[in-house]
């Protein structure tokens, strides 16, 4: 706004003094124009202040955004680490499970291979055993027959010794009492004398009294136990056992053309004779004709479907020599 000034040649406008020119501008127009400029200036100042406020707000927002971004990034990193750890843990579990499965498969495969090797070795061992058995069987049977003969010879010798001892005892018993003070009980011989037997009956030898070695009884059984063929008959000998009569029965059966072979399965209480036939015969009737056999009882429930027929034999207690007399 223009103010009057006492000073000549000077005009004060908007607090500023201006010198008057000779022919100056229109005062009102100048005042109007300058007023507009001042209004614009004030508007610009306000706008500048507003922009300054916006700038500060933007700067603050940027700082807060950076902080938020950093926090988000930190949280994202933590979450990523947790997820990665979970993924690694799951991967390790799956890997361990896969390793265990592969290990189990490998172990099962190895076990199968071991079993196959064991089976093959067992088959080879059985084949070798069977082959060796067949090789030694003839020699073994010859040895058995030789032992049969030796045993029969020893039994005959024992019989003679028993007869001699009985005669000697009879002579001593027939002497006066004064001379019988050193005589033993009838039927008993000093254990230190050779050829000791129990003279229950001449010619009858008990399995224990005859001192038949168990190893010899095992040799009596032929070495073909692994053969698949089943015997046609199983003859069980009932007590009392007389080895001499059993051997006589076996020798008689072996002499028959229909009999392929016999085996003696040694058992102290009830030995068993197994009989393999070339052709069918009525074995019970044949056994009943032997003097060594008192009776034969066939088990009707046995036999059939490839199973052997069974019978029980009761010995007579008589030898062939006694029968012929």
C-alpha atoms as a PDB file:
ATOM      1  CA  UNK A   1       0.000   0.000   0.000  1.00  0.00           C
ATOM      2  CA  UNK A   2       1.282   3.523  -0.780  1.00  0.00           C
ATOM      3  CA  UNK A   3       1.677   5.972   1.995  1.00  0.00           C
ATOM      4  CA  UNK A   4       2.105   9.704   1.761  1.00  0.00           C
ATOM      5  CA  UNK A   5       5.510  10.817   2.841  1.00  0.00           C
ATOM      6  CA  UNK A   6       6.508  14.270   3.940  1.00  0.00           C
ATOM      7  CA  UNK A   7       9.716  13.906   2.048  1.00  0.00           C
ATOM      8  CA  UNK A   8       9.447  15.384  -1.425  1.00  0.00           C
ATOM      9  CA  UNK A   9      10.166  13.132  -4.303  1.00  0.00           C
ATOM     10  CA  UNK A  10       9.812   9.945  -2.277  1.00  0.00           C
ATOM     11  CA  UNK A  11       6.921   7.438  -2.160  1.00  0.00           C
ATOM     12  CA  UNK A  12       6.722   4.680   0.440  1.00  0.00           C
ATOM     13  CA  UNK A  13       5.150   1.503  -0.776  1.00  0.00           C
ATOM     14  CA  UNK A  14       4.877  -1.743   1.237  1.00  0.00           C
ATOM     15  CA  UNK A  15       7.335  -0.374   3.746  1.00  0.00           C
ATOM     16  CA  UNK A  16       9.892   0.598   1.099  1.00  0.00           C
ATOM     17  CA  UNK A  17      10.704   4.050  -0.145  1.00  0.00           C
ATOM     18  CA  UNK A  18      10.759   4.699  -3.880  1.00  0.00           C
ATOM     19  CA  UNK A  19      12.022   7.865  -5.603  1.00  0.00           C
ATOM     20  CA  UNK A  20       9.645   9.682  -7.853  1.00  0.00           C
ATOM     21  CA  UNK A  21      10.547   9.901 -11.473  1.00  0.00           C
ATOM     22  CA  UNK A  22       9.534  12.728 -13.787  1.00  0.00           C
ATOM     23  CA  UNK A  23       7.064  10.753 -15.769  1.00  0.00           C
ATOM     24  CA  UNK A  24       6.526   7.532 -13.762  1.00  0.00           C
ATOM     25  CA  UNK A  25       4.151   4.574 -14.094  1.00  0.00           C
ATOM     26  CA  UNK A  26       0.589   4.606 -13.039  1.00  0.00           C
ATOM     27  CA  UNK A  27       0.654   4.229  -9.334  1.00  0.00           C
ATOM     28  CA  UNK A  28      -2.532   2.139  -9.093  1.00  0.00           C
ATOM     29  CA  UNK A  29      -1.426  -0.326 -11.720  1.00  0.00           C
ATOM     30  CA  UNK A  30       1.919  -0.782 -10.112  1.00  0.00           C
ATOM     31  CA  UNK A  31       0.271  -1.287  -6.751  1.00  0.00           C
ATOM     32  CA  UNK A  32      -2.110  -3.842  -8.205  1.00  0.00           C
ATOM     33  CA  UNK A  33       0.631  -5.766  -9.983  1.00  0.00           C
ATOM     34  CA  UNK A  34       2.898  -5.805  -6.987  1.00  0.00           C
ATOM     35  CA  UNK A  35      -0.001  -6.911  -4.793  1.00  0.00           C
ATOM     36  CA  UNK A  36      -0.578  -9.864  -7.037  1.00  0.00           C
ATOM     37  CA  UNK A  37       3.080 -10.704  -6.917  1.00  0.00           C
ATOM     38  CA  UNK A  38       3.043 -10.591  -3.172  1.00  0.00           C
ATOM     39  CA  UNK A  39      -0.024 -12.800  -3.006  1.00  0.00           C
ATOM     40  CA  UNK A  40       1.681 -15.281  -5.307  1.00  0.00           C
ATOM     41  CA  UNK A  41       4.777 -15.031  -3.207  1.00  0.00           C
ATOM     42  CA  UNK A  42       2.809 -15.787  -0.051  1.00  0.00           C
ATOM     43  CA  UNK A  43       1.097 -18.671  -1.832  1.00  0.00           C
ATOM     44  CA  UNK A  44       4.466 -20.010  -2.900  1.00  0.00           C
ATOM     45  CA  UNK A  45       5.752 -19.645   0.629  1.00  0.00           C
ATOM     46  CA  UNK A  46       2.771 -21.601   1.981  1.00  0.00           C
ATOM     47  CA  UNK A  47       3.228 -24.185  -0.744  1.00  0.00           C
ATOM     48  CA  UNK A  48       6.891 -24.403   0.090  1.00  0.00           C
ATOM     49  CA  UNK A  49       6.043 -24.910   3.729  1.00  0.00           C
ATOM     50  CA  UNK A  50       3.527 -27.604   2.716  1.00  0.00           C
ATOM     51  CA  UNK A  51       6.118 -29.270   0.506  1.00  0.00           C
ATOM     52  CA  UNK A  52       8.611 -29.093   3.340  1.00  0.00           C
ATOM     53  CA  UNK A  53       6.100 -30.815   5.586  1.00  0.00           C
ATOM     54  CA  UNK A  54       5.441 -33.416   2.909  1.00  0.00           C
ATOM     55  CA  UNK A  55       9.176 -33.921   2.453  1.00  0.00           C
ATOM     56  CA  UNK A  56       9.664 -34.432   6.152  1.00  0.00           C
ATOM     57  CA  UNK A  57       6.701 -36.827   6.174  1.00  0.00           C
ATOM     58  CA  UNK A  58       8.136 -38.661   3.191  1.00  0.00           C
ATOM     59  CA  UNK A  59      11.530 -38.863   4.831  1.00  0.00           C
ATOM     60  CA  UNK A  60       9.944 -40.170   7.998  1.00  0.00           C
ATOM     61  CA  UNK A  61       7.875 -42.623   5.978  1.00  0.00           C
ATOM     62  CA  UNK A  62      10.982 -43.785   4.124  1.00  0.00           C
ATOM     63  CA  UNK A  63      12.825 -44.302   7.414  1.00  0.00           C
ATOM     64  CA  UNK A  64       9.881 -46.225   8.839  1.00  0.00           C
ATOM     65  CA  UNK A  65       9.608 -48.188   5.600  1.00  0.00           C
ATOM     66  CA  UNK A  66      13.288 -49.052   5.826  1.00  0.00           C
ATOM     67  CA  UNK A  67      12.801 -50.209   9.382  1.00  0.00           C
ATOM     68  CA  UNK A  68       9.746 -52.229   8.375  1.00  0.00           C
ATOM     69  CA  UNK A  69      11.639 -53.631   5.411  1.00  0.00           C
ATOM     70  CA  UNK A  70      14.524 -54.606   7.633  1.00  0.00           C
ATOM     71  CA  UNK A  71      12.162 -56.230  10.121  1.00  0.00           C
ATOM     72  CA  UNK A  72      10.306 -58.037   7.341  1.00  0.00           C
ATOM     73  CA  UNK A  73      13.599 -59.130   5.859  1.00  0.00           C
ATOM     74  CA  UNK A  74      14.791 -60.375   9.245  1.00  0.00           C
ATOM     75  CA  UNK A  75      11.539 -62.236   9.832  1.00  0.00           C
ATOM     76  CA  UNK A  76      11.671 -63.637   6.310  1.00  0.00           C
ATOM     77  CA  UNK A  77      15.232 -64.791   6.874  1.00  0.00           C
ATOM     78  CA  UNK A  78      14.284 -66.447  10.169  1.00  0.00           C
ATOM     79  CA  UNK A  79      11.280 -68.110   8.555  1.00  0.00           C
ATOM     80  CA  UNK A  80      13.411 -69.216   5.613  1.00  0.00           C
ATOM     81  CA  UNK A  81      15.999 -70.657   8.002  1.00  0.00           C
ATOM     82  CA  UNK A  82      13.292 -72.507   9.952  1.00  0.00           C
ATOM     83  CA  UNK A  83      11.757 -73.856   6.742  1.00  0.00           C
ATOM     84  CA  UNK A  84      15.173 -74.838   5.413  1.00  0.00           C
ATOM     85  CA  UNK A  85      15.942 -76.601   8.698  1.00  0.00           C
ATOM     86  CA  UNK A  86      12.621 -78.458   8.544  1.00  0.00           C
ATOM     87  CA  UNK A  87      13.263 -79.428   4.927  1.00  0.00           C
ATOM     88  CA  UNK A  88      16.767 -80.652   5.780  1.00  0.00           C
ATOM     89  CA  UNK A  89      15.436 -82.628   8.757  1.00  0.00           C
ATOM     90  CA  UNK A  90      12.756 -84.245   6.614  1.00  0.00           C
ATOM     91  CA  UNK A  91      15.328 -84.969   3.913  1.00  0.00           C
ATOM     92  CA  UNK A  92      17.613 -86.589   6.482  1.00  0.00           C
ATOM     93  CA  UNK A  93      14.750 -88.733   7.790  1.00  0.00           C
ATOM     94  CA  UNK A  94      13.831 -89.841   4.283  1.00  0.00           C
ATOM     95  CA  UNK A  95      17.482 -90.515   3.495  1.00  0.00           C
ATOM     96  CA  UNK A  96      17.877 -92.557   6.704  1.00  0.00           C
ATOM     97  CA  UNK A  97      14.694 -94.465   5.928  1.00  0.00           C
ATOM     98  CA  UNK A  98      15.931 -95.161   2.419  1.00  0.00           C
ATOM     99  CA  UNK A  99      19.284 -96.314   3.801  1.00  0.00           C
ATOM    100  CA  UNK A 100      17.541 -98.671   6.238  1.00  0.00           C
ATOM    101  CA  UNK A 101      15.358-100.087   3.461  1.00  0.00           C
ATOM    102  CA  UNK A 102      18.367-100.644   1.213  1.00  0.00           C
ATOM    103  CA  UNK A 103      20.276-102.173   4.109  1.00  0.00           C
ATOM    104  CA  UNK A 104      17.376-104.529   4.872  1.00  0.00           C
ATOM    105  CA  UNK A 105      17.120-105.490   1.204  1.00  0.00           C
ATOM    106  CA  UNK A 106      20.860-106.118   1.026  1.00  0.00           C
ATOM    107  CA  UNK A 107      20.774-108.164   4.241  1.00  0.00           C
ATOM    108  CA  UNK A 108      17.836-110.216   2.976  1.00  0.00           C
ATOM    109  CA  UNK A 109      19.637-110.796  -0.317  1.00  0.00           C
ATOM    110  CA  UNK A 110      22.799-111.853   1.512  1.00  0.00           C
ATOM    111  CA  UNK A 111      20.783-114.200   3.754  1.00  0.00           C
ATOM    112  CA  UNK A 112      19.156-115.765   0.702  1.00  0.00           C
ATOM    113  CA  UNK A 113      22.535-116.253  -0.907  1.00  0.00           C
ATOM    114  CA  UNK A 114      23.942-117.734   2.319  1.00  0.00           C
ATOM    115  CA  UNK A 115      20.991-120.123   2.593  1.00  0.00           C
ATOM    116  CA  UNK A 116      21.442-121.127  -1.034  1.00  0.00           C
ATOM    117  CA  UNK A 117      25.138-121.777  -0.427  1.00  0.00           C
ATOM    118  CA  UNK A 118      24.340-123.776   2.727  1.00  0.00           C
ATOM    119  CA  UNK A 119      21.698-125.832   0.883  1.00  0.00           C
ATOM    120  CA  UNK A 120      24.104-126.500  -1.959  1.00  0.00           C
ATOM    121  CA  UNK A 121      26.855-127.465   0.477  1.00  0.00           C
ATOM    122  CA  UNK A 122      24.417-129.723   2.359  1.00  0.00           C
ATOM    123  CA  UNK A 123      23.373-131.408  -0.883  1.00  0.00           C
ATOM    124  CA  UNK A 124      26.993-131.882  -1.888  1.00  0.00           C
ATOM    125  CA  UNK A 125      27.829-133.281   1.542  1.00  0.00           C
ATOM    126  CA  UNK A 126      24.881-135.689   1.401  1.00  0.00           C
ATOM    127  CA  UNK A 127      25.835-136.759  -2.114  1.00  0.00           C
ATOM    128  CA  UNK A 128      29.440-137.332  -1.033  1.00  0.00           C
ATOM    129  CA  UNK A 129      28.280-139.248   2.046  1.00  0.00           C
ATOM    130  CA  UNK A 130      25.964-141.399  -0.030  1.00  0.00           C
ATOM    131  CA  UNK A 131      28.731-142.052  -2.553  1.00  0.00           C
ATOM    132  CA  UNK A 132      31.223-142.972   0.172  1.00  0.00           C
ATOM    133  CA  UNK A 133      28.589-145.123   1.845  1.00  0.00           C
ATOM    134  CA  UNK A 134      28.019-147.046  -1.367  1.00  0.00           C
ATOM    135  CA  UNK A 135      31.779-147.471  -1.766  1.00  0.00           C
ATOM    136  CA  UNK A 136      32.328-148.915   1.717  1.00  0.00           C
ATOM    137  CA  UNK A 137      29.043-150.867   1.939  1.00  0.00           C
ATOM    138  CA  UNK A 138      30.413-154.101   0.395  1.00  0.00           C
ATOM    139  CA  UNK A 139      33.469-153.991   2.663  1.00  0.00           C
ATOM    140  CA  UNK A 140      31.279-153.214   5.640  1.00  0.00           C
ATOM    141  CA  UNK A 141      28.925-156.099   4.935  1.00  0.00           C
ATOM    142  CA  UNK A 142      31.929-158.434   4.592  1.00  0.00           C
ATOM    143  CA  UNK A 143      33.237-157.190   7.929  1.00  0.00           C
ATOM    144  CA  UNK A 144      29.807-157.719   9.463  1.00  0.00           C
ATOM    145  CA  UNK A 145      29.636-161.277   8.179  1.00  0.00           C
ATOM    146  CA  UNK A 146      33.143-161.899   9.477  1.00  0.00           C
ATOM    147  CA  UNK A 147      32.153-160.501  12.863  1.00  0.00           C
ATOM    148  CA  UNK A 148      29.030-162.688  12.764  1.00  0.00           C
ATOM    149  CA  UNK A 149      31.245-165.696  12.347  1.00  0.00           C
ATOM    150  CA  UNK A 150      33.647-164.633  15.070  1.00  0.00           C
ATOM    151  CA  UNK A 151      30.772-163.940  17.437  1.00  0.00           C
ATOM    152  CA  UNK A 152      29.186-167.323  16.723  1.00  0.00           C
ATOM    153  CA  UNK A 153      32.556-168.976  17.336  1.00  0.00           C
ATOM    154  CA  UNK A 154      32.914-167.140  20.638  1.00  0.00           C
ATOM    155  CA  UNK A 155      29.380-168.107  21.611  1.00  0.00           C
ATOM    156  CA  UNK A 156      30.081-171.738  20.815  1.00  0.00           C
ATOM    157  CA  UNK A 157      33.216-171.506  22.955  1.00  0.00           C
ATOM    158  CA  UNK A 158      31.191-169.956  25.767  1.00  0.00           C
ATOM    159  CA  UNK A 159      28.629-172.746  25.477  1.00  0.00           C
ATOM    160  CA  UNK A 160      31.378-175.338  25.809  1.00  0.00           C
ATOM    161  CA  UNK A 161      32.831-173.517  28.795  1.00  0.00           C
ATOM    162  CA  UNK A 162      29.407-173.403  30.427  1.00  0.00           C
ATOM    163  CA  UNK A 163      28.922-177.128  29.875  1.00  0.00           C
ATOM    164  CA  UNK A 164      32.378-177.863  31.305  1.00  0.00           C
ATOM    165  CA  UNK A 165      31.745-175.625  34.290  1.00  0.00           C
ATOM    166  CA  UNK A 166      28.401-177.304  34.941  1.00  0.00           C
ATOM    167  CA  UNK A 167      30.052-180.697  34.813  1.00  0.00           C
ATOM    168  CA  UNK A 168      32.784-179.513  37.174  1.00  0.00           C
ATOM    169  CA  UNK A 169      30.217-178.050  39.540  1.00  0.00           C
ATOM    170  CA  UNK A 170      28.170-181.248  39.421  1.00  0.00           C
ATOM    171  CA  UNK A 171      31.277-183.236  40.322  1.00  0.00           C
ATOM    172  CA  UNK A 172      32.127-180.916  43.191  1.00  0.00           C
ATOM    173  CA  UNK A 173      28.557-180.926  44.474  1.00  0.00           C
ATOM    174  CA  UNK A 174      28.527-184.714  44.429  1.00  0.00           C
ATOM    175  CA  UNK A 175      31.569-184.818  46.762  1.00  0.00           C
ATOM    176  CA  UNK A 176      31.224-184.925  50.598  1.00  0.00           C
ATOM    177  CA  UNK A 177      30.359-181.629  52.365  1.00  0.00           C
ATOM    178  CA  UNK A 178      33.887-181.269  53.739  1.00  0.00           C
ATOM    179  CA  UNK A 179      35.208-180.962  50.239  1.00  0.00           C
ATOM    180  CA  UNK A 180      32.588-178.495  49.019  1.00  0.00           C
ATOM    181  CA  UNK A 181      33.573-175.596  51.287  1.00  0.00           C
ATOM    182  CA  UNK A 182      35.197-173.780  48.399  1.00  0.00           C
ATOM    183  CA  UNK A 183      32.451-174.469  45.889  1.00  0.00           C
ATOM    184  CA  UNK A 184      30.562-171.410  44.604  1.00  0.00           C
ATOM    185  CA  UNK A 185      26.829-171.250  44.153  1.00  0.00           C
ATOM    186  CA  UNK A 186      25.583-173.378  41.218  1.00  0.00           C
ATOM    187  CA  UNK A 187      25.556-171.465  37.974  1.00  0.00           C
ATOM    188  CA  UNK A 188      28.115-168.828  39.152  1.00  0.00           C
ATOM    189  CA  UNK A 189      31.776-168.498  38.204  1.00  0.00           C
ATOM    190  CA  UNK A 190      34.412-166.248  39.705  1.00  0.00           C
ATOM    191  CA  UNK A 191      34.464-162.922  37.875  1.00  0.00           C
ATOM    192  CA  UNK A 192      38.229-163.183  37.404  1.00  0.00           C
ATOM    193  CA  UNK A 193      37.934-166.477  35.466  1.00  0.00           C
ATOM    194  CA  UNK A 194      37.827-166.149  31.670  1.00  0.00           C
ATOM    195  CA  UNK A 195      34.587-166.922  29.875  1.00  0.00           C
ATOM    196  CA  UNK A 196      32.248-165.764  32.658  1.00  0.00           C
ATOM    197  CA  UNK A 197      28.533-166.313  31.796  1.00  0.00           C
ATOM    198  CA  UNK A 198      25.276-166.734  33.676  1.00  0.00           C
ATOM    199  CA  UNK A 199      24.244-170.357  33.109  1.00  0.00           C
ATOM    200  CA  UNK A 200      20.506-169.830  33.147  1.00  0.00           C
ATOM    201  CA  UNK A 201      20.155-172.069  30.080  1.00  0.00           C
ATOM    202  CA  UNK A 202      22.941-173.570  27.938  1.00  0.00           C
ATOM    203  CA  UNK A 203      23.213-171.841  24.577  1.00  0.00           C
ATOM    204  CA  UNK A 204      21.268-168.746  25.705  1.00  0.00           C
ATOM    205  CA  UNK A 205      23.316-165.537  25.872  1.00  0.00           C
ATOM    206  CA  UNK A 206      21.864-162.340  27.325  1.00  0.00           C
ATOM    207  CA  UNK A 207      22.677-159.074  25.532  1.00  0.00           C
ATOM    208  CA  UNK A 208      24.486-157.761  28.626  1.00  0.00           C
ATOM    209  CA  UNK A 209      25.918-161.077  29.863  1.00  0.00           C
ATOM    210  CA  UNK A 210      27.402-161.782  26.450  1.00  0.00           C
ATOM    211  CA  UNK A 211      29.046-158.358  26.651  1.00  0.00           C
ATOM    212  CA  UNK A 212      28.018-157.420  23.109  1.00  0.00           C
ATOM    213  CA  UNK A 213      29.641-154.077  22.444  1.00  0.00           C
ATOM    214  CA  UNK A 214      27.259-151.314  21.392  1.00  0.00           C
ATOM    215  CA  UNK A 215      29.719-150.287  18.723  1.00  0.00           C
ATOM    216  CA  UNK A 216      29.470-153.775  17.226  1.00  0.00           C
ATOM    217  CA  UNK A 217      25.687-153.561  17.302  1.00  0.00           C
ATOM    218  CA  UNK A 218      25.925-150.321  15.342  1.00  0.00           C
ATOM    219  CA  UNK A 219      28.101-152.115  12.769  1.00  0.00           C
ATOM    220  CA  UNK A 220      25.486-154.829  12.393  1.00  0.00           C
ATOM    221  CA  UNK A 221      23.162-152.279  10.862  1.00  0.00           C
ATOM    222  CA  UNK A 222      24.170-151.888   7.173  1.00  0.00           C
ATOM    223  CA  UNK A 223      25.348-148.465   6.038  1.00  0.00           C
ATOM    224  CA  UNK A 224      22.390-147.729   3.764  1.00  0.00           C
ATOM    225  CA  UNK A 225      20.218-145.828   6.219  1.00  0.00           C
ATOM    226  CA  UNK A 226      20.056-142.930   3.776  1.00  0.00           C
ATOM    227  CA  UNK A 227      18.361-145.055   1.090  1.00  0.00           C
ATOM    228  CA  UNK A 228      14.887-143.925   0.248  1.00  0.00           C
ATOM    229  CA  UNK A 229      13.495-147.499  -0.048  1.00  0.00           C
ATOM    230  CA  UNK A 230      11.361-148.678   2.852  1.00  0.00           C
ATOM    231  CA  UNK A 231      11.617-152.280   4.123  1.00  0.00           C
ATOM    232  CA  UNK A 232       8.645-154.538   3.578  1.00  0.00           C
ATOM    233  CA  UNK A 233       8.785-155.939   7.148  1.00  0.00           C
ATOM    234  CA  UNK A 234       9.827-154.812  10.624  1.00  0.00           C
ATOM    235  CA  UNK A 235      10.252-157.734  13.043  1.00  0.00           C
ATOM    236  CA  UNK A 236      10.414-156.690  16.696  1.00  0.00           C
ATOM    237  CA  UNK A 237      12.125-159.199  19.050  1.00  0.00           C
ATOM    238  CA  UNK A 238      10.445-159.421  22.447  1.00  0.00           C
ATOM    239  CA  UNK A 239      12.433-160.085  25.655  1.00  0.00           C
ATOM    240  CA  UNK A 240      14.129-162.213  26.812  1.00  0.00           C
ATOM    241  CA  UNK A 241      16.754-161.506  24.151  1.00  0.00           C
ATOM    242  CA  UNK A 242      18.929-164.321  22.782  1.00  0.00           C
ATOM    243  CA  UNK A 243      21.557-162.971  20.395  1.00  0.00           C
ATOM    244  CA  UNK A 244      22.406-166.418  19.050  1.00  0.00           C
ATOM    245  CA  UNK A 245      18.822-167.077  18.008  1.00  0.00           C
ATOM    246  CA  UNK A 246      18.497-163.584  16.496  1.00  0.00           C
ATOM    247  CA  UNK A 247      21.602-164.190  14.358  1.00  0.00           C
ATOM    248  CA  UNK A 248      20.266-167.614  13.334  1.00  0.00           C
ATOM    249  CA  UNK A 249      16.985-165.994  12.187  1.00  0.00           C
ATOM    250  CA  UNK A 250      18.880-163.326  10.226  1.00  0.00           C
ATOM    251  CA  UNK A 251      21.111-165.931   8.549  1.00  0.00           C
ATOM    252  CA  UNK A 252      18.080-167.998   7.583  1.00  0.00           C
ATOM    253  CA  UNK A 253      16.264-164.974   6.111  1.00  0.00           C
ATOM    254  CA  UNK A 254      19.380-163.915   4.177  1.00  0.00           C
ATOM    255  CA  UNK A 255      19.556-167.390   2.662  1.00  0.00           C
ATOM    256  CA  UNK A 256      16.087-167.052   1.106  1.00  0.00           C
ATOM    257  CA  UNK A 257      16.033-166.160  -2.603  1.00  0.00           C
ATOM    258  CA  UNK A 258      13.067-163.839  -2.079  1.00  0.00           C
ATOM    259  CA  UNK A 259      14.932-161.760   0.514  1.00  0.00           C
ATOM    260  CA  UNK A 260      17.173-158.998  -0.855  1.00  0.00           C
ATOM    261  CA  UNK A 261      18.737-158.015   2.480  1.00  0.00           C
ATOM    262  CA  UNK A 262      18.100-157.708   6.210  1.00  0.00           C
ATOM    263  CA  UNK A 263      19.146-155.172   8.805  1.00  0.00           C
ATOM    264  CA  UNK A 264      19.408-155.459  12.580  1.00  0.00           C
ATOM    265  CA  UNK A 265      18.478-152.264  14.436  1.00  0.00           C
ATOM    266  CA  UNK A 266      20.130-152.739  17.842  1.00  0.00           C
ATOM    267  CA  UNK A 267      18.092-151.854  20.906  1.00  0.00           C
ATOM    268  CA  UNK A 268      18.863-153.375  24.266  1.00  0.00           C
ATOM    269  CA  UNK A 269      15.229-154.052  25.171  1.00  0.00           C
ATOM    270  CA  UNK A 270      13.569-154.749  21.791  1.00  0.00           C
ATOM    271  CA  UNK A 271      15.921-155.103  18.793  1.00  0.00           C
ATOM    272  CA  UNK A 272      14.253-154.978  15.369  1.00  0.00           C
ATOM    273  CA  UNK A 273      15.019-156.879  12.161  1.00  0.00           C
ATOM    274  CA  UNK A 274      14.056-155.049   8.953  1.00  0.00           C
ATOM    275  CA  UNK A 275      13.542-157.182   5.850  1.00  0.00           C
ATOM    276  CA  UNK A 276      13.800-156.014   2.218  1.00  0.00           C
ATOM    277  CA  UNK A 277      12.173-158.396  -0.287  1.00  0.00           C
ATOM    278  CA  UNK A 278      12.830-159.080  -3.952  1.00  0.00           C
ATOM    279  CA  UNK A 279       9.369-160.602  -4.260  1.00  0.00           C
ATOM    280  CA  UNK A 280       6.418-161.046  -1.949  1.00  0.00           C
ATOM    281  CA  UNK A 281       6.395-164.025   0.455  1.00  0.00           C
ATOM    282  CA  UNK A 282       4.393-165.014   3.515  1.00  0.00           C
ATOM    283  CA  UNK A 283       7.114-164.157   6.006  1.00  0.00           C
ATOM    284  CA  UNK A 284       5.009-164.933   9.094  1.00  0.00           C
ATOM    285  CA  UNK A 285       4.465-168.568   8.037  1.00  0.00           C
ATOM    286  CA  UNK A 286       8.194-168.952   7.289  1.00  0.00           C
ATOM    287  CA  UNK A 287       9.158-167.592  10.713  1.00  0.00           C
ATOM    288  CA  UNK A 288       6.757-169.958  12.457  1.00  0.00           C
ATOM    289  CA  UNK A 289       8.643-172.916  10.979  1.00  0.00           C
ATOM    290  CA  UNK A 290      11.930-171.874  12.609  1.00  0.00           C
ATOM    291  CA  UNK A 291      12.913-173.626  15.851  1.00  0.00           C
ATOM    292  CA  UNK A 292      14.231-170.347  17.261  1.00  0.00           C
ATOM    293  CA  UNK A 293      10.752-168.765  17.090  1.00  0.00           C
ATOM    294  CA  UNK A 294       8.149-169.563  19.733  1.00  0.00           C
ATOM    295  CA  UNK A 295       5.414-167.331  18.293  1.00  0.00           C
ATOM    296  CA  UNK A 296       4.847-164.605  15.696  1.00  0.00           C
ATOM    297  CA  UNK A 297       2.140-161.964  16.062  1.00  0.00           C
ATOM    298  CA  UNK A 298       1.477-159.686  13.089  1.00  0.00           C
ATOM    299  CA  UNK A 299       0.324-156.128  13.708  1.00  0.00           C
ATOM    300  CA  UNK A 300      -2.689-155.793  11.399  1.00  0.00           C
ATOM    301  CA  UNK A 301      -2.760-152.011  11.789  1.00  0.00           C
ATOM    302  CA  UNK A 302       0.649-151.576  10.129  1.00  0.00           C
ATOM    303  CA  UNK A 303       1.555-151.601   6.447  1.00  0.00           C
ATOM    304  CA  UNK A 304      -0.113-149.921   3.522  1.00  0.00           C
ATOM    305  CA  UNK A 305       0.790-146.757   1.614  1.00  0.00           C
ATOM    306  CA  UNK A 306       4.448-147.732   1.361  1.00  0.00           C
ATOM    307  CA  UNK A 307       4.776-148.420   5.101  1.00  0.00           C
ATOM    308  CA  UNK A 308       6.376-151.711   6.283  1.00  0.00           C
ATOM    309  CA  UNK A 309       4.298-154.481   7.786  1.00  0.00           C
ATOM    310  CA  UNK A 310       5.094-155.180  11.418  1.00  0.00           C
ATOM    311  CA  UNK A 311       5.258-158.310  13.535  1.00  0.00           C
ATOM    312  CA  UNK A 312       6.468-159.281  17.017  1.00  0.00           C
ATOM    313  CA  UNK A 313       8.605-162.369  17.567  1.00  0.00           C
ATOM    314  CA  UNK A 314       8.893-164.288  20.823  1.00  0.00           C
ATOM    315  CA  UNK A 315      12.006-166.477  20.901  1.00  0.00           C
ATOM    316  CA  UNK A 316      11.802-170.127  21.869  1.00  0.00           C
ATOM    317  CA  UNK A 317      15.018-170.238  23.861  1.00  0.00           C
ATOM    318  CA  UNK A 318      16.086-173.360  21.941  1.00  0.00           C
ATOM    319  CA  UNK A 319      19.036-173.603  19.607  1.00  0.00           C
ATOM    320  CA  UNK A 320      19.032-175.649  16.403  1.00  0.00           C
ATOM    321  CA  UNK A 321      21.422-178.162  17.951  1.00  0.00           C
ATOM    322  CA  UNK A 322      19.116-178.737  20.907  1.00  0.00           C
ATOM    323  CA  UNK A 323      16.108-179.047  18.585  1.00  0.00           C
ATOM    324  CA  UNK A 324      17.793-181.706  16.469  1.00  0.00           C
ATOM    325  CA  UNK A 325      18.564-183.803  19.549  1.00  0.00           C
END
